[in-house]
């Protein structure tokens, strides 16, 4: 199995990195956490123009895919730049609707997928295996809810709950709403969507971990103790080397899962990438010292996101169990 990206995929990653680097995503993420979605929506518009939200959507519905490897590549960059919003949930909704169409329920796909692929709309959703709360339901134009073998377009959402990550707000969709599909196909499509959500979350977590490592390496080269940069200390080098090894071990698991889309592979990627990012956050916090605890310091955007993504779509114990079940 090939785990290396080809030239086109690497160019895609570099173009997204350059675009997001010029988009001031830090300001957009801070504004999003304060309830101002304008800057974040501008970033989303750039991502849509780059085709990011068309990657999971079949060509029959004005998409480019499904292209899970390219989707994973994109979400690494979204994590690296701390892009706010329900990007994972939009991808999961696209996967849900596309699989429903494959299983003989094409009407929801015809109705919603073209606008999601173009970026004209964004979505969030709840799935039976993903918990009762939808991310950024107040901003998403479409709120889907799957429960009891039914897919509904929720009529609204209940009180918003804050996450550890200020840029993530959770809400429970209100019951009822328009019935879009029902029957066994909904349950099968929901499982497929959960796999896509886990894959995108794993890739995003990998990007978060890489950003934390890069920022910490830069910091320890500048911070001096006893007249010497702390990055020259052996203990600091070893700590950062451990972080690098864990992230580089997670990378092929994420890409391999995107290649196979096997549930066991996706579960392993979710656990490994999320734990590697969480480990990177702990090392970053320790090596930055007191400044790492301040919300005003930009590092906090990635610290809180690493913790939130670790438990998104199920905690590590859940995904370890699925990995064992998938490989058993």
C-alpha atoms as a PDB file:
ATOM      1  CA  UNK A   1       0.000   0.000   0.000  1.00  0.00           C
ATOM      2  CA  UNK A   2       1.295   3.463  -0.915  1.00  0.00           C
ATOM      3  CA  UNK A   3       1.194   6.014   1.915  1.00  0.00           C
ATOM      4  CA  UNK A   4       3.015   8.840   0.104  1.00  0.00           C
ATOM      5  CA  UNK A   5       1.127  11.663  -1.566  1.00  0.00           C
ATOM      6  CA  UNK A   6       1.610  12.185  -5.285  1.00  0.00           C
ATOM      7  CA  UNK A   7       2.789  15.488  -6.776  1.00  0.00           C
ATOM      8  CA  UNK A   8      -0.741  16.781  -7.376  1.00  0.00           C
ATOM      9  CA  UNK A   9      -1.805  16.054  -3.806  1.00  0.00           C
ATOM     10  CA  UNK A  10       1.303  17.707  -2.385  1.00  0.00           C
ATOM     11  CA  UNK A  11       0.698  20.766  -4.558  1.00  0.00           C
ATOM     12  CA  UNK A  12      -2.889  20.873  -3.276  1.00  0.00           C
ATOM     13  CA  UNK A  13      -1.650  20.805   0.315  1.00  0.00           C
ATOM     14  CA  UNK A  14       0.889  23.553  -0.360  1.00  0.00           C
ATOM     15  CA  UNK A  15      -1.711  25.747  -2.054  1.00  0.00           C
ATOM     16  CA  UNK A  16      -4.108  25.410   0.869  1.00  0.00           C
ATOM     17  CA  UNK A  17      -1.290  26.113   3.331  1.00  0.00           C
ATOM     18  CA  UNK A  18      -0.339  29.285   1.454  1.00  0.00           C
ATOM     19  CA  UNK A  19      -3.944  30.408   1.075  1.00  0.00           C
ATOM     20  CA  UNK A  20      -4.820  29.874   4.733  1.00  0.00           C
ATOM     21  CA  UNK A  21      -1.541  31.406   5.848  1.00  0.00           C
ATOM     22  CA  UNK A  22      -2.563  34.603   4.070  1.00  0.00           C
ATOM     23  CA  UNK A  23      -6.141  34.532   5.362  1.00  0.00           C
ATOM     24  CA  UNK A  24      -5.451  35.482   9.019  1.00  0.00           C
ATOM     25  CA  UNK A  25      -7.275  32.457  10.385  1.00  0.00           C
ATOM     26  CA  UNK A  26      -6.246  33.379  13.937  1.00  0.00           C
ATOM     27  CA  UNK A  27      -8.398  36.519  13.775  1.00  0.00           C
ATOM     28  CA  UNK A  28     -11.223  34.557  12.136  1.00  0.00           C
ATOM     29  CA  UNK A  29     -11.134  31.884  14.825  1.00  0.00           C
ATOM     30  CA  UNK A  30     -11.113  34.392  17.660  1.00  0.00           C
ATOM     31  CA  UNK A  31     -14.026  36.261  16.076  1.00  0.00           C
ATOM     32  CA  UNK A  32     -15.936  33.003  15.593  1.00  0.00           C
ATOM     33  CA  UNK A  33     -15.573  32.213  19.284  1.00  0.00           C
ATOM     34  CA  UNK A  34     -17.036  35.624  20.106  1.00  0.00           C
ATOM     35  CA  UNK A  35     -20.044  35.083  17.853  1.00  0.00           C
ATOM     36  CA  UNK A  36     -18.812  37.075  14.830  1.00  0.00           C
ATOM     37  CA  UNK A  37     -18.905  34.614  11.943  1.00  0.00           C
ATOM     38  CA  UNK A  38     -18.067  37.063   9.149  1.00  0.00           C
ATOM     39  CA  UNK A  39     -14.287  36.527   9.012  1.00  0.00           C
ATOM     40  CA  UNK A  40     -14.724  32.767   9.328  1.00  0.00           C
ATOM     41  CA  UNK A  41     -17.245  32.702   6.495  1.00  0.00           C
ATOM     42  CA  UNK A  42     -14.722  34.586   4.337  1.00  0.00           C
ATOM     43  CA  UNK A  43     -12.199  31.820   5.012  1.00  0.00           C
ATOM     44  CA  UNK A  44     -14.849  29.234   4.142  1.00  0.00           C
ATOM     45  CA  UNK A  45     -15.503  31.006   0.846  1.00  0.00           C
ATOM     46  CA  UNK A  46     -11.824  30.636  -0.045  1.00  0.00           C
ATOM     47  CA  UNK A  47     -11.916  26.949   0.868  1.00  0.00           C
ATOM     48  CA  UNK A  48     -15.011  26.471  -1.273  1.00  0.00           C
ATOM     49  CA  UNK A  49     -13.306  28.182  -4.214  1.00  0.00           C
ATOM     50  CA  UNK A  50     -10.408  25.741  -3.753  1.00  0.00           C
ATOM     51  CA  UNK A  51     -12.868  22.838  -4.031  1.00  0.00           C
ATOM     52  CA  UNK A  52     -12.476  21.546  -0.475  1.00  0.00           C
ATOM     53  CA  UNK A  53     -16.192  20.962   0.114  1.00  0.00           C
ATOM     54  CA  UNK A  54     -16.647  19.347  -3.294  1.00  0.00           C
ATOM     55  CA  UNK A  55     -14.129  16.580  -2.533  1.00  0.00           C
ATOM     56  CA  UNK A  56     -16.523  14.141  -0.773  1.00  0.00           C
ATOM     57  CA  UNK A  57     -19.392  14.802  -3.212  1.00  0.00           C
ATOM     58  CA  UNK A  58     -19.906  12.562  -6.274  1.00  0.00           C
ATOM     59  CA  UNK A  59     -19.656  14.190  -9.688  1.00  0.00           C
ATOM     60  CA  UNK A  60     -23.323  13.421 -10.303  1.00  0.00           C
ATOM     61  CA  UNK A  61     -24.143  16.065  -7.691  1.00  0.00           C
ATOM     62  CA  UNK A  62     -21.665  18.736  -8.875  1.00  0.00           C
ATOM     63  CA  UNK A  63     -18.805  17.487  -6.721  1.00  0.00           C
ATOM     64  CA  UNK A  64     -15.292  16.252  -7.461  1.00  0.00           C
ATOM     65  CA  UNK A  65     -15.328  12.904  -5.731  1.00  0.00           C
ATOM     66  CA  UNK A  66     -15.688  11.090  -3.580  1.00  0.00           C
ATOM     67  CA  UNK A  67     -11.992  11.702  -2.861  1.00  0.00           C
ATOM     68  CA  UNK A  68     -11.228  10.686   0.735  1.00  0.00           C
ATOM     69  CA  UNK A  69      -7.427  11.035   0.427  1.00  0.00           C
ATOM     70  CA  UNK A  70      -7.675  14.594  -0.880  1.00  0.00           C
ATOM     71  CA  UNK A  71     -10.241  15.325   1.846  1.00  0.00           C
ATOM     72  CA  UNK A  72      -7.769  14.123   4.481  1.00  0.00           C
ATOM     73  CA  UNK A  73      -5.023  16.258   2.916  1.00  0.00           C
ATOM     74  CA  UNK A  74      -7.288  19.303   3.097  1.00  0.00           C
ATOM     75  CA  UNK A  75      -8.274  18.711   6.708  1.00  0.00           C
ATOM     76  CA  UNK A  76      -4.669  18.454   7.821  1.00  0.00           C
ATOM     77  CA  UNK A  77      -4.281  22.026   6.571  1.00  0.00           C
ATOM     78  CA  UNK A  78      -7.542  23.113   8.213  1.00  0.00           C
ATOM     79  CA  UNK A  79      -6.186  21.809  11.503  1.00  0.00           C
ATOM     80  CA  UNK A  80      -2.771  23.350  10.940  1.00  0.00           C
ATOM     81  CA  UNK A  81      -4.403  26.772  10.555  1.00  0.00           C
ATOM     82  CA  UNK A  82      -7.132  26.323  13.209  1.00  0.00           C
ATOM     83  CA  UNK A  83      -9.960  27.025  10.748  1.00  0.00           C
ATOM     84  CA  UNK A  84     -13.258  27.442  12.633  1.00  0.00           C
ATOM     85  CA  UNK A  85     -16.702  26.110  11.761  1.00  0.00           C
ATOM     86  CA  UNK A  86     -18.486  22.806  11.139  1.00  0.00           C
ATOM     87  CA  UNK A  87     -16.180  21.621   8.351  1.00  0.00           C
ATOM     88  CA  UNK A  88     -16.084  18.012   9.583  1.00  0.00           C
ATOM     89  CA  UNK A  89     -19.853  18.024   9.996  1.00  0.00           C
ATOM     90  CA  UNK A  90     -20.391  19.384   6.483  1.00  0.00           C
ATOM     91  CA  UNK A  91     -18.258  16.576   5.074  1.00  0.00           C
ATOM     92  CA  UNK A  92     -20.145  14.011   7.168  1.00  0.00           C
ATOM     93  CA  UNK A  93     -23.475  15.380   5.924  1.00  0.00           C
ATOM     94  CA  UNK A  94     -22.250  15.150   2.335  1.00  0.00           C
ATOM     95  CA  UNK A  95     -21.171  11.541   2.882  1.00  0.00           C
ATOM     96  CA  UNK A  96     -24.530  10.739   4.469  1.00  0.00           C
ATOM     97  CA  UNK A  97     -26.534  12.154   1.570  1.00  0.00           C
ATOM     98  CA  UNK A  98     -24.284  10.581  -1.064  1.00  0.00           C
ATOM     99  CA  UNK A  99     -24.567   7.119   0.501  1.00  0.00           C
ATOM    100  CA  UNK A 100     -28.353   7.497   0.780  1.00  0.00           C
ATOM    101  CA  UNK A 101     -28.443   8.143  -2.957  1.00  0.00           C
ATOM    102  CA  UNK A 102     -26.388   5.007  -3.582  1.00  0.00           C
ATOM    103  CA  UNK A 103     -28.888   3.046  -1.484  1.00  0.00           C
ATOM    104  CA  UNK A 104     -31.911   4.202  -3.452  1.00  0.00           C
ATOM    105  CA  UNK A 105     -32.821   7.478  -1.702  1.00  0.00           C
ATOM    106  CA  UNK A 106     -31.547  10.131  -4.157  1.00  0.00           C
ATOM    107  CA  UNK A 107     -33.917  13.036  -3.424  1.00  0.00           C
ATOM    108  CA  UNK A 108     -32.050  14.508  -0.404  1.00  0.00           C
ATOM    109  CA  UNK A 109     -28.784  14.317  -2.354  1.00  0.00           C
ATOM    110  CA  UNK A 110     -30.296  16.106  -5.357  1.00  0.00           C
ATOM    111  CA  UNK A 111     -31.719  18.776  -3.103  1.00  0.00           C
ATOM    112  CA  UNK A 112     -28.749  19.549  -0.850  1.00  0.00           C
ATOM    113  CA  UNK A 113     -25.451  18.252  -2.257  1.00  0.00           C
ATOM    114  CA  UNK A 114     -24.887  20.821  -5.032  1.00  0.00           C
ATOM    115  CA  UNK A 115     -25.105  23.763  -2.612  1.00  0.00           C
ATOM    116  CA  UNK A 116     -22.903  22.002  -0.052  1.00  0.00           C
ATOM    117  CA  UNK A 117     -20.292  21.127  -2.687  1.00  0.00           C
ATOM    118  CA  UNK A 118     -20.129  24.720  -3.934  1.00  0.00           C
ATOM    119  CA  UNK A 119     -19.878  26.165  -0.431  1.00  0.00           C
ATOM    120  CA  UNK A 120     -23.138  28.089  -0.842  1.00  0.00           C
ATOM    121  CA  UNK A 121     -24.389  26.211   2.232  1.00  0.00           C
ATOM    122  CA  UNK A 122     -22.769  24.523   5.207  1.00  0.00           C
ATOM    123  CA  UNK A 123     -24.266  21.830   7.389  1.00  0.00           C
ATOM    124  CA  UNK A 124     -24.060  20.239  10.767  1.00  0.00           C
ATOM    125  CA  UNK A 125     -25.642  17.063  12.028  1.00  0.00           C
ATOM    126  CA  UNK A 126     -26.127  14.543  14.772  1.00  0.00           C
ATOM    127  CA  UNK A 127     -25.655  10.831  14.203  1.00  0.00           C
ATOM    128  CA  UNK A 128     -26.476   7.900  16.507  1.00  0.00           C
ATOM    129  CA  UNK A 129     -22.774   7.182  17.129  1.00  0.00           C
ATOM    130  CA  UNK A 130     -21.709  10.809  17.452  1.00  0.00           C
ATOM    131  CA  UNK A 131     -23.570  12.120  20.487  1.00  0.00           C
ATOM    132  CA  UNK A 132     -26.632  14.347  20.882  1.00  0.00           C
ATOM    133  CA  UNK A 133     -25.045  17.701  20.059  1.00  0.00           C
ATOM    134  CA  UNK A 134     -24.462  19.373  16.699  1.00  0.00           C
ATOM    135  CA  UNK A 135     -21.476  21.659  16.226  1.00  0.00           C
ATOM    136  CA  UNK A 136     -22.205  25.280  15.283  1.00  0.00           C
ATOM    137  CA  UNK A 137     -25.898  24.709  14.706  1.00  0.00           C
ATOM    138  CA  UNK A 138     -26.478  28.452  15.129  1.00  0.00           C
ATOM    139  CA  UNK A 139     -24.354  29.195  12.063  1.00  0.00           C
ATOM    140  CA  UNK A 140     -24.951  26.144   9.851  1.00  0.00           C
ATOM    141  CA  UNK A 141     -27.627  26.700   7.263  1.00  0.00           C
ATOM    142  CA  UNK A 142     -28.671  23.038   7.400  1.00  0.00           C
ATOM    143  CA  UNK A 143     -29.063  20.986  10.578  1.00  0.00           C
ATOM    144  CA  UNK A 144     -29.613  17.282   9.924  1.00  0.00           C
ATOM    145  CA  UNK A 145     -30.578  14.803  12.629  1.00  0.00           C
ATOM    146  CA  UNK A 146     -30.516  11.018  12.362  1.00  0.00           C
ATOM    147  CA  UNK A 147     -32.380   9.053  15.032  1.00  0.00           C
ATOM    148  CA  UNK A 148     -34.590   5.963  15.157  1.00  0.00           C
ATOM    149  CA  UNK A 149     -33.926   5.142  11.510  1.00  0.00           C
ATOM    150  CA  UNK A 150     -35.052   8.573  10.292  1.00  0.00           C
ATOM    151  CA  UNK A 151     -33.230  11.483   8.705  1.00  0.00           C
ATOM    152  CA  UNK A 152     -34.831  14.838   9.419  1.00  0.00           C
ATOM    153  CA  UNK A 153     -34.056  18.451   8.674  1.00  0.00           C
ATOM    154  CA  UNK A 154     -34.220  19.898  12.166  1.00  0.00           C
ATOM    155  CA  UNK A 155     -36.473  22.951  12.644  1.00  0.00           C
ATOM    156  CA  UNK A 156     -33.937  24.624  14.934  1.00  0.00           C
ATOM    157  CA  UNK A 157     -31.781  23.909  17.948  1.00  0.00           C
ATOM    158  CA  UNK A 158     -31.900  24.177  21.721  1.00  0.00           C
ATOM    159  CA  UNK A 159     -29.684  26.276  23.977  1.00  0.00           C
ATOM    160  CA  UNK A 160     -26.084  26.563  22.812  1.00  0.00           C
ATOM    161  CA  UNK A 161     -23.390  24.970  24.980  1.00  0.00           C
ATOM    162  CA  UNK A 162     -19.800  26.186  25.028  1.00  0.00           C
ATOM    163  CA  UNK A 163     -16.974  23.777  24.366  1.00  0.00           C
ATOM    164  CA  UNK A 164     -13.504  23.786  25.879  1.00  0.00           C
ATOM    165  CA  UNK A 165     -12.529  25.247  22.501  1.00  0.00           C
ATOM    166  CA  UNK A 166     -14.133  28.732  22.404  1.00  0.00           C
ATOM    167  CA  UNK A 167     -14.585  28.409  18.635  1.00  0.00           C
ATOM    168  CA  UNK A 168     -16.768  25.300  19.040  1.00  0.00           C
ATOM    169  CA  UNK A 169     -20.398  25.707  20.141  1.00  0.00           C
ATOM    170  CA  UNK A 170     -22.670  22.704  20.609  1.00  0.00           C
ATOM    171  CA  UNK A 171     -26.457  22.513  20.496  1.00  0.00           C
ATOM    172  CA  UNK A 172     -29.112  19.809  20.447  1.00  0.00           C
ATOM    173  CA  UNK A 173     -31.354  19.874  17.340  1.00  0.00           C
ATOM    174  CA  UNK A 174     -35.025  20.367  18.142  1.00  0.00           C
ATOM    175  CA  UNK A 175     -37.212  17.295  17.598  1.00  0.00           C
ATOM    176  CA  UNK A 176     -39.448  17.006  14.595  1.00  0.00           C
ATOM    177  CA  UNK A 177     -38.782  18.810  11.367  1.00  0.00           C
ATOM    178  CA  UNK A 178     -39.081  17.684   7.772  1.00  0.00           C
ATOM    179  CA  UNK A 179     -38.662  13.935   7.235  1.00  0.00           C
ATOM    180  CA  UNK A 180     -36.130  13.393   4.449  1.00  0.00           C
ATOM    181  CA  UNK A 181     -35.639   9.604   4.512  1.00  0.00           C
ATOM    182  CA  UNK A 182     -36.452   6.574   6.624  1.00  0.00           C
ATOM    183  CA  UNK A 183     -35.660   2.883   6.770  1.00  0.00           C
ATOM    184  CA  UNK A 184     -32.545   0.678   6.811  1.00  0.00           C
ATOM    185  CA  UNK A 185     -30.743   2.863   4.277  1.00  0.00           C
ATOM    186  CA  UNK A 186     -30.624   5.705   6.807  1.00  0.00           C
ATOM    187  CA  UNK A 187     -28.829   3.568   9.398  1.00  0.00           C
ATOM    188  CA  UNK A 188     -26.299   2.349   6.820  1.00  0.00           C
ATOM    189  CA  UNK A 189     -25.695   5.871   5.549  1.00  0.00           C
ATOM    190  CA  UNK A 190     -25.257   7.138   9.115  1.00  0.00           C
ATOM    191  CA  UNK A 191     -22.495   4.586   9.764  1.00  0.00           C
ATOM    192  CA  UNK A 192     -20.783   5.655   6.552  1.00  0.00           C
ATOM    193  CA  UNK A 193     -21.044   9.317   7.556  1.00  0.00           C
ATOM    194  CA  UNK A 194     -19.566   8.547  10.973  1.00  0.00           C
ATOM    195  CA  UNK A 195     -16.537   7.008   9.259  1.00  0.00           C
ATOM    196  CA  UNK A 196     -16.050  10.152   7.159  1.00  0.00           C
ATOM    197  CA  UNK A 197     -16.428  12.336  10.252  1.00  0.00           C
ATOM    198  CA  UNK A 198     -13.816  10.290  12.103  1.00  0.00           C
ATOM    199  CA  UNK A 199     -11.399  10.432   9.172  1.00  0.00           C
ATOM    200  CA  UNK A 200     -11.743  14.208   8.791  1.00  0.00           C
ATOM    201  CA  UNK A 201     -11.369  14.676  12.548  1.00  0.00           C
ATOM    202  CA  UNK A 202      -8.230  12.533  12.574  1.00  0.00           C
ATOM    203  CA  UNK A 203      -6.707  14.567   9.742  1.00  0.00           C
ATOM    204  CA  UNK A 204      -7.654  17.824  11.437  1.00  0.00           C
ATOM    205  CA  UNK A 205      -6.118  16.628  14.707  1.00  0.00           C
ATOM    206  CA  UNK A 206      -2.918  15.716  12.869  1.00  0.00           C
ATOM    207  CA  UNK A 207      -2.744  19.249  11.486  1.00  0.00           C
ATOM    208  CA  UNK A 208      -3.337  20.712  14.945  1.00  0.00           C
ATOM    209  CA  UNK A 209      -0.515  18.592  16.357  1.00  0.00           C
ATOM    210  CA  UNK A 210       1.875  19.645  13.601  1.00  0.00           C
ATOM    211  CA  UNK A 211       1.084  23.317  14.225  1.00  0.00           C
ATOM    212  CA  UNK A 212       1.684  22.888  17.953  1.00  0.00           C
ATOM    213  CA  UNK A 213       5.024  21.233  17.276  1.00  0.00           C
ATOM    214  CA  UNK A 214       6.119  23.939  14.829  1.00  0.00           C
ATOM    215  CA  UNK A 215       5.181  26.739  17.211  1.00  0.00           C
ATOM    216  CA  UNK A 216       6.878  25.064  20.149  1.00  0.00           C
ATOM    217  CA  UNK A 217      10.092  24.414  18.236  1.00  0.00           C
ATOM    218  CA  UNK A 218      10.188  28.081  17.236  1.00  0.00           C
ATOM    219  CA  UNK A 219       9.560  29.158  20.828  1.00  0.00           C
ATOM    220  CA  UNK A 220      12.259  27.016  22.455  1.00  0.00           C
ATOM    221  CA  UNK A 221      14.802  28.444  20.010  1.00  0.00           C
ATOM    222  CA  UNK A 222      13.982  31.942  21.291  1.00  0.00           C
ATOM    223  CA  UNK A 223      13.372  31.431  25.006  1.00  0.00           C
ATOM    224  CA  UNK A 224      16.623  31.584  26.946  1.00  0.00           C
ATOM    225  CA  UNK A 225      17.546  30.229  30.358  1.00  0.00           C
ATOM    226  CA  UNK A 226      20.983  30.543  31.955  1.00  0.00           C
ATOM    227  CA  UNK A 227      21.955  32.505  28.859  1.00  0.00           C
ATOM    228  CA  UNK A 228      21.153  29.578  26.526  1.00  0.00           C
ATOM    229  CA  UNK A 229      18.128  28.798  24.317  1.00  0.00           C
ATOM    230  CA  UNK A 230      16.121  26.107  26.118  1.00  0.00           C
ATOM    231  CA  UNK A 231      15.857  24.226  22.829  1.00  0.00           C
ATOM    232  CA  UNK A 232      19.493  23.222  23.286  1.00  0.00           C
ATOM    233  CA  UNK A 233      18.681  21.309  26.492  1.00  0.00           C
ATOM    234  CA  UNK A 234      18.671  17.546  26.055  1.00  0.00           C
ATOM    235  CA  UNK A 235      15.404  17.045  27.938  1.00  0.00           C
ATOM    236  CA  UNK A 236      13.630  19.541  25.688  1.00  0.00           C
ATOM    237  CA  UNK A 237      15.022  17.901  22.554  1.00  0.00           C
ATOM    238  CA  UNK A 238      13.856  14.479  23.722  1.00  0.00           C
ATOM    239  CA  UNK A 239      10.378  15.763  24.558  1.00  0.00           C
ATOM    240  CA  UNK A 240       9.913  17.315  21.149  1.00  0.00           C
ATOM    241  CA  UNK A 241      11.396  14.281  19.403  1.00  0.00           C
ATOM    242  CA  UNK A 242       8.758  12.125  21.095  1.00  0.00           C
ATOM    243  CA  UNK A 243       6.028  14.465  19.844  1.00  0.00           C
ATOM    244  CA  UNK A 244       7.428  14.352  16.307  1.00  0.00           C
ATOM    245  CA  UNK A 245       7.596  10.552  16.308  1.00  0.00           C
ATOM    246  CA  UNK A 246       3.978  10.225  17.428  1.00  0.00           C
ATOM    247  CA  UNK A 247       2.755  12.663  14.786  1.00  0.00           C
ATOM    248  CA  UNK A 248       4.777  11.034  12.019  1.00  0.00           C
ATOM    249  CA  UNK A 249       3.442   7.643  13.087  1.00  0.00           C
ATOM    250  CA  UNK A 250      -0.108   9.011  12.866  1.00  0.00           C
ATOM    251  CA  UNK A 251       0.342  10.468   9.371  1.00  0.00           C
ATOM    252  CA  UNK A 252       0.465   7.168   7.410  1.00  0.00           C
ATOM    253  CA  UNK A 253      -2.407   5.800   9.483  1.00  0.00           C
ATOM    254  CA  UNK A 254      -4.562   8.757   8.449  1.00  0.00           C
ATOM    255  CA  UNK A 255      -3.586   8.460   4.781  1.00  0.00           C
ATOM    256  CA  UNK A 256      -3.913   4.688   4.869  1.00  0.00           C
ATOM    257  CA  UNK A 257      -7.405   4.958   6.341  1.00  0.00           C
ATOM    258  CA  UNK A 258      -8.337   7.417   3.595  1.00  0.00           C
ATOM    259  CA  UNK A 259      -7.124   4.936   0.983  1.00  0.00           C
ATOM    260  CA  UNK A 260      -9.026   1.948   2.329  1.00  0.00           C
ATOM    261  CA  UNK A 261     -11.976   3.624   4.118  1.00  0.00           C
ATOM    262  CA  UNK A 262     -12.050   0.458   6.233  1.00  0.00           C
ATOM    263  CA  UNK A 263     -13.728   1.007   9.626  1.00  0.00           C
ATOM    264  CA  UNK A 264     -10.836  -0.552  11.550  1.00  0.00           C
ATOM    265  CA  UNK A 265      -8.284   1.619   9.757  1.00  0.00           C
ATOM    266  CA  UNK A 266     -10.336   4.770  10.343  1.00  0.00           C
ATOM    267  CA  UNK A 267     -10.720   3.935  14.030  1.00  0.00           C
ATOM    268  CA  UNK A 268      -6.961   3.430  14.411  1.00  0.00           C
ATOM    269  CA  UNK A 269      -6.275   6.719  12.631  1.00  0.00           C
ATOM    270  CA  UNK A 270      -8.746   8.583  14.845  1.00  0.00           C
ATOM    271  CA  UNK A 271      -7.196   7.260  18.058  1.00  0.00           C
ATOM    272  CA  UNK A 272      -3.593   7.706  16.992  1.00  0.00           C
ATOM    273  CA  UNK A 273      -3.892  11.183  15.481  1.00  0.00           C
ATOM    274  CA  UNK A 274      -6.049  12.559  18.283  1.00  0.00           C
ATOM    275  CA  UNK A 275      -3.743  11.184  20.976  1.00  0.00           C
ATOM    276  CA  UNK A 276      -0.663  12.475  19.144  1.00  0.00           C
ATOM    277  CA  UNK A 277      -2.202  15.959  18.925  1.00  0.00           C
ATOM    278  CA  UNK A 278      -3.172  15.847  22.587  1.00  0.00           C
ATOM    279  CA  UNK A 279       0.378  14.810  23.490  1.00  0.00           C
ATOM    280  CA  UNK A 280       1.694  17.689  21.394  1.00  0.00           C
ATOM    281  CA  UNK A 281      -0.571  20.080  23.286  1.00  0.00           C
ATOM    282  CA  UNK A 282       0.710  18.884  26.658  1.00  0.00           C
ATOM    283  CA  UNK A 283       4.335  19.254  25.567  1.00  0.00           C
ATOM    284  CA  UNK A 284       3.637  22.683  24.080  1.00  0.00           C
ATOM    285  CA  UNK A 285       1.978  23.886  27.265  1.00  0.00           C
ATOM    286  CA  UNK A 286       4.824  22.664  29.447  1.00  0.00           C
ATOM    287  CA  UNK A 287       7.588  24.084  27.266  1.00  0.00           C
ATOM    288  CA  UNK A 288       5.929  27.458  26.836  1.00  0.00           C
ATOM    289  CA  UNK A 289       5.595  27.862  30.580  1.00  0.00           C
ATOM    290  CA  UNK A 290       3.170  30.371  32.080  1.00  0.00           C
ATOM    291  CA  UNK A 291       2.498  32.177  28.806  1.00  0.00           C
ATOM    292  CA  UNK A 292       0.986  28.975  27.412  1.00  0.00           C
ATOM    293  CA  UNK A 293      -1.888  29.244  29.891  1.00  0.00           C
ATOM    294  CA  UNK A 294      -3.070  32.643  28.670  1.00  0.00           C
ATOM    295  CA  UNK A 295      -6.037  32.814  26.309  1.00  0.00           C
ATOM    296  CA  UNK A 296      -4.548  35.913  24.663  1.00  0.00           C
ATOM    297  CA  UNK A 297      -1.546  33.921  23.428  1.00  0.00           C
ATOM    298  CA  UNK A 298      -2.336  32.413  20.010  1.00  0.00           C
ATOM    299  CA  UNK A 299      -1.076  28.990  21.072  1.00  0.00           C
ATOM    300  CA  UNK A 300      -4.297  28.592  23.065  1.00  0.00           C
ATOM    301  CA  UNK A 301      -6.306  28.243  19.839  1.00  0.00           C
ATOM    302  CA  UNK A 302      -4.515  24.993  19.053  1.00  0.00           C
ATOM    303  CA  UNK A 303      -4.248  23.793  22.653  1.00  0.00           C
ATOM    304  CA  UNK A 304      -8.000  23.883  23.182  1.00  0.00           C
ATOM    305  CA  UNK A 305      -8.727  22.462  19.748  1.00  0.00           C
ATOM    306  CA  UNK A 306      -6.450  19.467  20.367  1.00  0.00           C
ATOM    307  CA  UNK A 307      -8.372  18.665  23.533  1.00  0.00           C
ATOM    308  CA  UNK A 308     -11.758  19.111  21.880  1.00  0.00           C
ATOM    309  CA  UNK A 309     -10.900  16.953  18.857  1.00  0.00           C
ATOM    310  CA  UNK A 310      -9.674  14.166  21.129  1.00  0.00           C
ATOM    311  CA  UNK A 311     -13.232  13.572  22.284  1.00  0.00           C
ATOM    312  CA  UNK A 312     -15.083  14.634  19.127  1.00  0.00           C
ATOM    313  CA  UNK A 313     -17.223  11.886  17.617  1.00  0.00           C
ATOM    314  CA  UNK A 314     -16.393   9.565  20.521  1.00  0.00           C
ATOM    315  CA  UNK A 315     -13.629   9.396  23.108  1.00  0.00           C
ATOM    316  CA  UNK A 316     -10.409   7.387  22.554  1.00  0.00           C
ATOM    317  CA  UNK A 317     -11.780   4.333  24.350  1.00  0.00           C
ATOM    318  CA  UNK A 318     -14.676   4.093  21.906  1.00  0.00           C
ATOM    319  CA  UNK A 319     -12.384   4.247  18.893  1.00  0.00           C
ATOM    320  CA  UNK A 320      -9.918   1.764  20.353  1.00  0.00           C
ATOM    321  CA  UNK A 321     -12.788  -0.678  20.672  1.00  0.00           C
ATOM    322  CA  UNK A 322     -13.795  -0.088  17.080  1.00  0.00           C
ATOM    323  CA  UNK A 323     -10.236  -0.551  15.893  1.00  0.00           C
ATOM    324  CA  UNK A 324     -10.029  -3.895  17.658  1.00  0.00           C
ATOM    325  CA  UNK A 325     -13.411  -4.935  16.299  1.00  0.00           C
ATOM    326  CA  UNK A 326     -12.457  -3.867  12.767  1.00  0.00           C
ATOM    327  CA  UNK A 327      -9.204  -5.791  12.832  1.00  0.00           C
ATOM    328  CA  UNK A 328     -10.507  -8.813  14.689  1.00  0.00           C
END
